[in-house]
Amino acid sequence: LGYKGFHITQFQGILAPAGTDAAIVRTL
């Protein structure tokens, strides 16, 4: 409609505490 650059979406996701083993993150 002519409002260039108007891109706003929301997301949902899964996170873990920093320091979580990379292998566990890959499994999840």
PDB file of all heavy atoms in Angstrom:
ATOM      1  N   LEU A   1       0.816  -1.212   0.000  1.00  0.00           N
ATOM      2  CA  LEU A   1       0.000   0.000   0.000  1.00  0.00           C
ATOM      3  C   LEU A   1       0.849   1.261   0.000  1.00  0.00           C
ATOM      4  O   LEU A   1       0.327   2.367   0.161  1.00  0.00           O
ATOM      5  CB  LEU A   1      -0.936  -0.003   1.210  1.00  0.00           C
ATOM      6  CG  LEU A   1      -1.951  -1.159   1.239  1.00  0.00           C
ATOM      7  CD1 LEU A   1      -2.807  -1.092   2.489  1.00  0.00           C
ATOM      8  CD2 LEU A   1      -2.852  -1.124  -0.001  1.00  0.00           C
ATOM      9  N   GLY A   2       2.142   1.109  -0.191  1.00  0.00           N
ATOM     10  CA  GLY A   2       3.002   2.276  -0.359  1.00  0.00           C
ATOM     11  C   GLY A   2       3.839   2.658   0.835  1.00  0.00           C
ATOM     12  O   GLY A   2       4.589   3.638   0.765  1.00  0.00           O
ATOM     13  N   TYR A   3       3.762   1.898   1.933  1.00  0.00           N
ATOM     14  CA  TYR A   3       4.539   2.225   3.125  1.00  0.00           C
ATOM     15  C   TYR A   3       5.798   1.375   3.125  1.00  0.00           C
ATOM     16  O   TYR A   3       5.876   0.321   3.761  1.00  0.00           O
ATOM     17  CB  TYR A   3       3.692   2.019   4.381  1.00  0.00           C
ATOM     18  CG  TYR A   3       2.545   3.003   4.451  1.00  0.00           C
ATOM     19  CD1 TYR A   3       1.350   2.752   3.764  1.00  0.00           C
ATOM     20  CD2 TYR A   3       2.672   4.204   5.143  1.00  0.00           C
ATOM     21  CE1 TYR A   3       0.306   3.665   3.788  1.00  0.00           C
ATOM     22  CE2 TYR A   3       1.630   5.123   5.169  1.00  0.00           C
ATOM     23  CZ  TYR A   3       0.452   4.849   4.486  1.00  0.00           C
ATOM     24  OH  TYR A   3      -0.570   5.764   4.500  1.00  0.00           O
ATOM     25  N   LYS A   4       6.785   1.824   2.394  1.00  0.00           N
ATOM     26  CA  LYS A   4       7.993   1.045   2.151  1.00  0.00           C
ATOM     27  C   LYS A   4       8.797   0.812   3.439  1.00  0.00           C
ATOM     28  O   LYS A   4       8.929   1.707   4.272  1.00  0.00           O
ATOM     29  CB  LYS A   4       8.884   1.756   1.119  1.00  0.00           C
ATOM     30  CG  LYS A   4       8.202   1.966  -0.235  1.00  0.00           C
ATOM     31  CD  LYS A   4       7.785   0.642  -0.872  1.00  0.00           C
ATOM     32  CE  LYS A   4       7.134   0.851  -2.224  1.00  0.00           C
ATOM     33  NZ  LYS A   4       6.635  -0.421  -2.803  1.00  0.00           N
ATOM     34  N   GLY A   5       9.318  -0.377   3.548  1.00  0.00           N
ATOM     35  CA  GLY A   5      10.153  -0.714   4.691  1.00  0.00           C
ATOM     36  C   GLY A   5       9.392  -1.016   5.967  1.00  0.00           C
ATOM     37  O   GLY A   5       9.994  -1.203   7.017  1.00  0.00           O
ATOM     38  N   PHE A   6       8.042  -1.069   5.887  1.00  0.00           N
ATOM     39  CA  PHE A   6       7.242  -1.354   7.079  1.00  0.00           C
ATOM     40  C   PHE A   6       7.144  -2.866   7.235  1.00  0.00           C
ATOM     41  O   PHE A   6       6.244  -3.507   6.711  1.00  0.00           O
ATOM     42  CB  PHE A   6       5.843  -0.747   6.950  1.00  0.00           C
ATOM     43  CG  PHE A   6       5.082  -0.694   8.251  1.00  0.00           C
ATOM     44  CD1 PHE A   6       4.875   0.514   8.883  1.00  0.00           C
ATOM     45  CD2 PHE A   6       4.580  -1.847   8.848  1.00  0.00           C
ATOM     46  CE1 PHE A   6       4.168   0.576  10.083  1.00  0.00           C
ATOM     47  CE2 PHE A   6       3.891  -1.805  10.045  1.00  0.00           C
ATOM     48  CZ  PHE A   6       3.676  -0.585  10.671  1.00  0.00           C
ATOM     49  N   HIS A   7       8.111  -3.439   7.944  1.00  0.00           N
ATOM     50  CA  HIS A   7       8.153  -4.878   8.173  1.00  0.00           C
ATOM     51  C   HIS A   7       8.272  -5.131   9.674  1.00  0.00           C
ATOM     52  O   HIS A   7       9.340  -4.947  10.255  1.00  0.00           O
ATOM     53  CB  HIS A   7       9.350  -5.519   7.469  1.00  0.00           C
ATOM     54  CG  HIS A   7       9.341  -5.368   5.990  1.00  0.00           C
ATOM     55  ND1 HIS A   7      10.472  -5.530   5.217  1.00  0.00           N
ATOM     56  CD2 HIS A   7       8.340  -5.066   5.120  1.00  0.00           C
ATOM     57  CE1 HIS A   7      10.166  -5.327   3.940  1.00  0.00           C
ATOM     58  NE2 HIS A   7       8.884  -5.044   3.872  1.00  0.00           N
ATOM     59  N   ILE A   8       7.185  -5.517  10.308  1.00  0.00           N
ATOM     60  CA  ILE A   8       7.223  -5.850  11.728  1.00  0.00           C
ATOM     61  C   ILE A   8       6.496  -7.171  11.927  1.00  0.00           C
ATOM     62  O   ILE A   8       5.306  -7.281  11.644  1.00  0.00           O
ATOM     63  CB  ILE A   8       6.580  -4.758  12.590  1.00  0.00           C
ATOM     64  CG1 ILE A   8       7.373  -3.457  12.502  1.00  0.00           C
ATOM     65  CG2 ILE A   8       6.505  -5.211  14.046  1.00  0.00           C
ATOM     66  CD1 ILE A   8       6.828  -2.327  13.337  1.00  0.00           C
ATOM     67  N   THR A   9       7.235  -8.172  12.381  1.00  0.00           N
ATOM     68  CA  THR A   9       6.650  -9.458  12.735  1.00  0.00           C
ATOM     69  C   THR A   9       7.108  -9.834  14.133  1.00  0.00           C
ATOM     70  O   THR A   9       8.033  -9.231  14.680  1.00  0.00           O
ATOM     71  CB  THR A   9       7.071 -10.567  11.746  1.00  0.00           C
ATOM     72  OG1 THR A   9       8.498 -10.678  11.756  1.00  0.00           O
ATOM     73  CG2 THR A   9       6.599 -10.253  10.325  1.00  0.00           C
ATOM     74  N   GLN A  10       6.442 -10.801  14.696  1.00  0.00           N
ATOM     75  CA  GLN A  10       6.815 -11.310  16.009  1.00  0.00           C
ATOM     76  C   GLN A  10       7.223 -12.775  15.879  1.00  0.00           C
ATOM     77  O   GLN A  10       6.785 -13.459  14.951  1.00  0.00           O
ATOM     78  CB  GLN A  10       5.650 -11.187  16.983  1.00  0.00           C
ATOM     79  CG  GLN A  10       5.223  -9.745  17.235  1.00  0.00           C
ATOM     80  CD  GLN A  10       6.232  -8.987  18.071  1.00  0.00           C
ATOM     81  OE1 GLN A  10       6.327  -9.192  19.278  1.00  0.00           O
ATOM     82  NE2 GLN A  10       6.985  -8.115  17.448  1.00  0.00           N
ATOM     83  N   PHE A  11       8.050 -13.248  16.788  1.00  0.00           N
ATOM     84  CA  PHE A  11       8.493 -14.630  16.719  1.00  0.00           C
ATOM     85  C   PHE A  11       8.296 -15.325  18.053  1.00  0.00           C
ATOM     86  O   PHE A  11       8.148 -14.689  19.101  1.00  0.00           O
ATOM     87  CB  PHE A  11       9.965 -14.717  16.305  1.00  0.00           C
ATOM     88  CG  PHE A  11      10.932 -14.033  17.242  1.00  0.00           C
ATOM     89  CD1 PHE A  11      11.287 -14.617  18.454  1.00  0.00           C
ATOM     90  CD2 PHE A  11      11.492 -12.805  16.910  1.00  0.00           C
ATOM     91  CE1 PHE A  11      12.174 -13.990  19.322  1.00  0.00           C
ATOM     92  CE2 PHE A  11      12.381 -12.167  17.769  1.00  0.00           C
ATOM     93  CZ  PHE A  11      12.720 -12.765  18.976  1.00  0.00           C
ATOM     94  N   GLN A  12       8.292 -16.638  17.992  1.00  0.00           N
ATOM     95  CA  GLN A  12       8.357 -17.480  19.180  1.00  0.00           C
ATOM     96  C   GLN A  12       9.521 -18.443  18.985  1.00  0.00           C
ATOM     97  O   GLN A  12       9.813 -18.849  17.853  1.00  0.00           O
ATOM     98  CB  GLN A  12       7.061 -18.275  19.364  1.00  0.00           C
ATOM     99  CG  GLN A  12       5.840 -17.395  19.617  1.00  0.00           C
ATOM    100  CD  GLN A  12       4.543 -18.189  19.621  1.00  0.00           C
ATOM    101  OE1 GLN A  12       4.415 -19.167  18.903  1.00  0.00           O
ATOM    102  NE2 GLN A  12       3.596 -17.766  20.427  1.00  0.00           N
ATOM    103  N   GLY A  13      10.180 -18.810  20.071  1.00  0.00           N
ATOM    104  CA  GLY A  13      11.318 -19.708  19.934  1.00  0.00           C
ATOM    105  C   GLY A  13      11.737 -20.317  21.252  1.00  0.00           C
ATOM    106  O   GLY A  13      11.233 -19.948  22.319  1.00  0.00           O
ATOM    107  N   ILE A  14      12.643 -21.268  21.161  1.00  0.00           N
ATOM    108  CA  ILE A  14      13.181 -21.964  22.319  1.00  0.00           C
ATOM    109  C   ILE A  14      14.617 -21.506  22.556  1.00  0.00           C
ATOM    110  O   ILE A  14      15.417 -21.437  21.621  1.00  0.00           O
ATOM    111  CB  ILE A  14      13.179 -23.485  22.112  1.00  0.00           C
ATOM    112  CG1 ILE A  14      11.755 -23.994  21.830  1.00  0.00           C
ATOM    113  CG2 ILE A  14      13.786 -24.200  23.313  1.00  0.00           C
ATOM    114  CD1 ILE A  14      10.848 -23.958  23.014  1.00  0.00           C
ATOM    115  N   LEU A  15      14.945 -21.214  23.821  1.00  0.00           N
ATOM    116  CA  LEU A  15      16.294 -20.828  24.206  1.00  0.00           C
ATOM    117  C   LEU A  15      16.705 -21.589  25.453  1.00  0.00           C
ATOM    118  O   LEU A  15      15.866 -22.173  26.146  1.00  0.00           O
ATOM    119  CB  LEU A  15      16.389 -19.323  24.457  1.00  0.00           C
ATOM    120  CG  LEU A  15      15.981 -18.408  23.299  1.00  0.00           C
ATOM    121  CD1 LEU A  15      14.533 -17.940  23.495  1.00  0.00           C
ATOM    122  CD2 LEU A  15      16.893 -17.194  23.196  1.00  0.00           C
ATOM    123  N   ALA A  16      17.996 -21.567  25.744  1.00  0.00           N
ATOM    124  CA  ALA A  16      18.533 -22.210  26.936  1.00  0.00           C
ATOM    125  C   ALA A  16      19.491 -21.232  27.616  1.00  0.00           C
ATOM    126  O   ALA A  16      19.930 -20.248  27.011  1.00  0.00           O
ATOM    127  CB  ALA A  16      19.266 -23.502  26.557  1.00  0.00           C
ATOM    128  N   PRO A  17      19.829 -21.477  28.873  1.00  0.00           N
ATOM    129  CA  PRO A  17      20.813 -20.613  29.537  1.00  0.00           C
ATOM    130  C   PRO A  17      22.157 -20.643  28.810  1.00  0.00           C
ATOM    131  O   PRO A  17      22.568 -21.680  28.284  1.00  0.00           O
ATOM    132  CB  PRO A  17      20.942 -21.229  30.938  1.00  0.00           C
ATOM    133  CG  PRO A  17      19.672 -21.997  31.138  1.00  0.00           C
ATOM    134  CD  PRO A  17      19.300 -22.513  29.791  1.00  0.00           C
ATOM    135  N   ALA A  18      22.826 -19.513  28.767  1.00  0.00           N
ATOM    136  CA  ALA A  18      24.159 -19.450  28.155  1.00  0.00           C
ATOM    137  C   ALA A  18      25.081 -20.444  28.851  1.00  0.00           C
ATOM    138  O   ALA A  18      25.031 -20.618  30.068  1.00  0.00           O
ATOM    139  CB  ALA A  18      24.725 -18.037  28.283  1.00  0.00           C
ATOM    140  N   GLY A  19      25.912 -21.114  28.056  1.00  0.00           N
ATOM    141  CA  GLY A  19      26.801 -22.118  28.596  1.00  0.00           C
ATOM    142  C   GLY A  19      26.294 -23.530  28.442  1.00  0.00           C
ATOM    143  O   GLY A  19      27.004 -24.494  28.759  1.00  0.00           O
ATOM    144  N   THR A  20      25.070 -23.686  27.949  1.00  0.00           N
ATOM    145  CA  THR A  20      24.526 -25.021  27.702  1.00  0.00           C
ATOM    146  C   THR A  20      25.366 -25.730  26.649  1.00  0.00           C
ATOM    147  O   THR A  20      25.758 -25.126  25.645  1.00  0.00           O
ATOM    148  CB  THR A  20      23.064 -24.928  27.234  1.00  0.00           C
ATOM    149  OG1 THR A  20      22.288 -24.275  28.252  1.00  0.00           O
ATOM    150  CG2 THR A  20      22.481 -26.306  26.959  1.00  0.00           C
ATOM    151  N   ASP A  21      25.650 -27.002  26.861  1.00  0.00           N
ATOM    152  CA  ASP A  21      26.499 -27.774  25.958  1.00  0.00           C
ATOM    153  C   ASP A  21      25.974 -27.723  24.525  1.00  0.00           C
ATOM    154  O   ASP A  21      24.783 -27.889  24.280  1.00  0.00           O
ATOM    155  CB  ASP A  21      26.556 -29.224  26.441  1.00  0.00           C
ATOM    156  CG  ASP A  21      27.611 -30.023  25.713  1.00  0.00           C
ATOM    157  OD1 ASP A  21      27.329 -30.486  24.599  1.00  0.00           O
ATOM    158  OD2 ASP A  21      28.714 -30.172  26.260  1.00  0.00           O
ATOM    159  N   ALA A  22      26.881 -27.504  23.596  1.00  0.00           N
ATOM    160  CA  ALA A  22      26.495 -27.395  22.191  1.00  0.00           C
ATOM    161  C   ALA A  22      25.840 -28.664  21.681  1.00  0.00           C
ATOM    162  O   ALA A  22      24.951 -28.612  20.814  1.00  0.00           O
ATOM    163  CB  ALA A  22      27.721 -27.055  21.338  1.00  0.00           C
ATOM    164  N   ALA A  23      26.241 -29.823  22.193  1.00  0.00           N
ATOM    165  CA  ALA A  23      25.631 -31.083  21.770  1.00  0.00           C
ATOM    166  C   ALA A  23      24.171 -31.161  22.199  1.00  0.00           C
ATOM    167  O   ALA A  23      23.315 -31.683  21.464  1.00  0.00           O
ATOM    168  CB  ALA A  23      26.416 -32.260  22.339  1.00  0.00           C
ATOM    169  N   ILE A  24      23.859 -30.625  23.375  1.00  0.00           N
ATOM    170  CA  ILE A  24      22.477 -30.592  23.837  1.00  0.00           C
ATOM    171  C   ILE A  24      21.650 -29.652  22.965  1.00  0.00           C
ATOM    172  O   ILE A  24      20.519 -29.963  22.587  1.00  0.00           O
ATOM    173  CB  ILE A  24      22.414 -30.167  25.318  1.00  0.00           C
ATOM    174  CG1 ILE A  24      22.995 -31.271  26.201  1.00  0.00           C
ATOM    175  CG2 ILE A  24      20.990 -29.842  25.741  1.00  0.00           C
ATOM    176  CD1 ILE A  24      23.082 -30.917  27.670  1.00  0.00           C
ATOM    177  N   VAL A  25      22.223 -28.508  22.636  1.00  0.00           N
ATOM    178  CA  VAL A  25      21.534 -27.560  21.764  1.00  0.00           C
ATOM    179  C   VAL A  25      21.234 -28.202  20.412  1.00  0.00           C
ATOM    180  O   VAL A  25      20.138 -28.056  19.867  1.00  0.00           O
ATOM    181  CB  VAL A  25      22.366 -26.268  21.588  1.00  0.00           C
ATOM    182  CG1 VAL A  25      21.738 -25.355  20.531  1.00  0.00           C
ATOM    183  CG2 VAL A  25      22.492 -25.527  22.916  1.00  0.00           C
ATOM    184  N   ARG A  26      22.199 -28.947  19.870  1.00  0.00           N
ATOM    185  CA  ARG A  26      21.973 -29.616  18.579  1.00  0.00           C
ATOM    186  C   ARG A  26      20.882 -30.676  18.678  1.00  0.00           C
ATOM    187  O   ARG A  26      20.039 -30.807  17.781  1.00  0.00           O
ATOM    188  CB  ARG A  26      23.276 -30.248  18.083  1.00  0.00           C
ATOM    189  CG  ARG A  26      24.284 -29.258  17.539  1.00  0.00           C
ATOM    190  CD  ARG A  26      25.372 -29.962  16.749  1.00  0.00           C
ATOM    191  NE  ARG A  26      26.121 -30.911  17.572  1.00  0.00           N
ATOM    192  CZ  ARG A  26      27.189 -30.591  18.282  1.00  0.00           C
ATOM    193  NH1 ARG A  26      27.635 -29.324  18.279  1.00  0.00           N
ATOM    194  NH2 ARG A  26      27.833 -31.505  18.989  1.00  0.00           N
ATOM    195  N   THR A  27      20.897 -31.430  19.766  1.00  0.00           N
ATOM    196  CA  THR A  27      19.862 -32.449  19.968  1.00  0.00           C
ATOM    197  C   THR A  27      18.479 -31.818  20.001  1.00  0.00           C
ATOM    198  O   THR A  27      17.533 -32.305  19.357  1.00  0.00           O
ATOM    199  CB  THR A  27      20.115 -33.215  21.290  1.00  0.00           C
ATOM    200  OG1 THR A  27      21.349 -33.929  21.190  1.00  0.00           O
ATOM    201  CG2 THR A  27      18.991 -34.190  21.590  1.00  0.00           C
ATOM    202  N   LEU A  28      18.356 -30.732  20.741  1.00  0.00           N
ATOM    203  CA  LEU A  28      17.070 -30.035  20.835  1.00  0.00           C
ATOM    204  C   LEU A  28      16.665 -29.434  19.500  1.00  0.00           C
ATOM    205  O   LEU A  28      15.502 -29.527  19.085  1.00  0.00           O
ATOM    206  CB  LEU A  28      17.154 -28.943  21.901  1.00  0.00           C
ATOM    207  CG  LEU A  28      17.208 -29.425  23.356  1.00  0.00           C
ATOM    208  CD1 LEU A  28      17.600 -28.277  24.271  1.00  0.00           C
ATOM    209  CD2 LEU A  28      15.855 -29.999  23.773  1.00  0.00           C
TER     210      LEU A  28
END
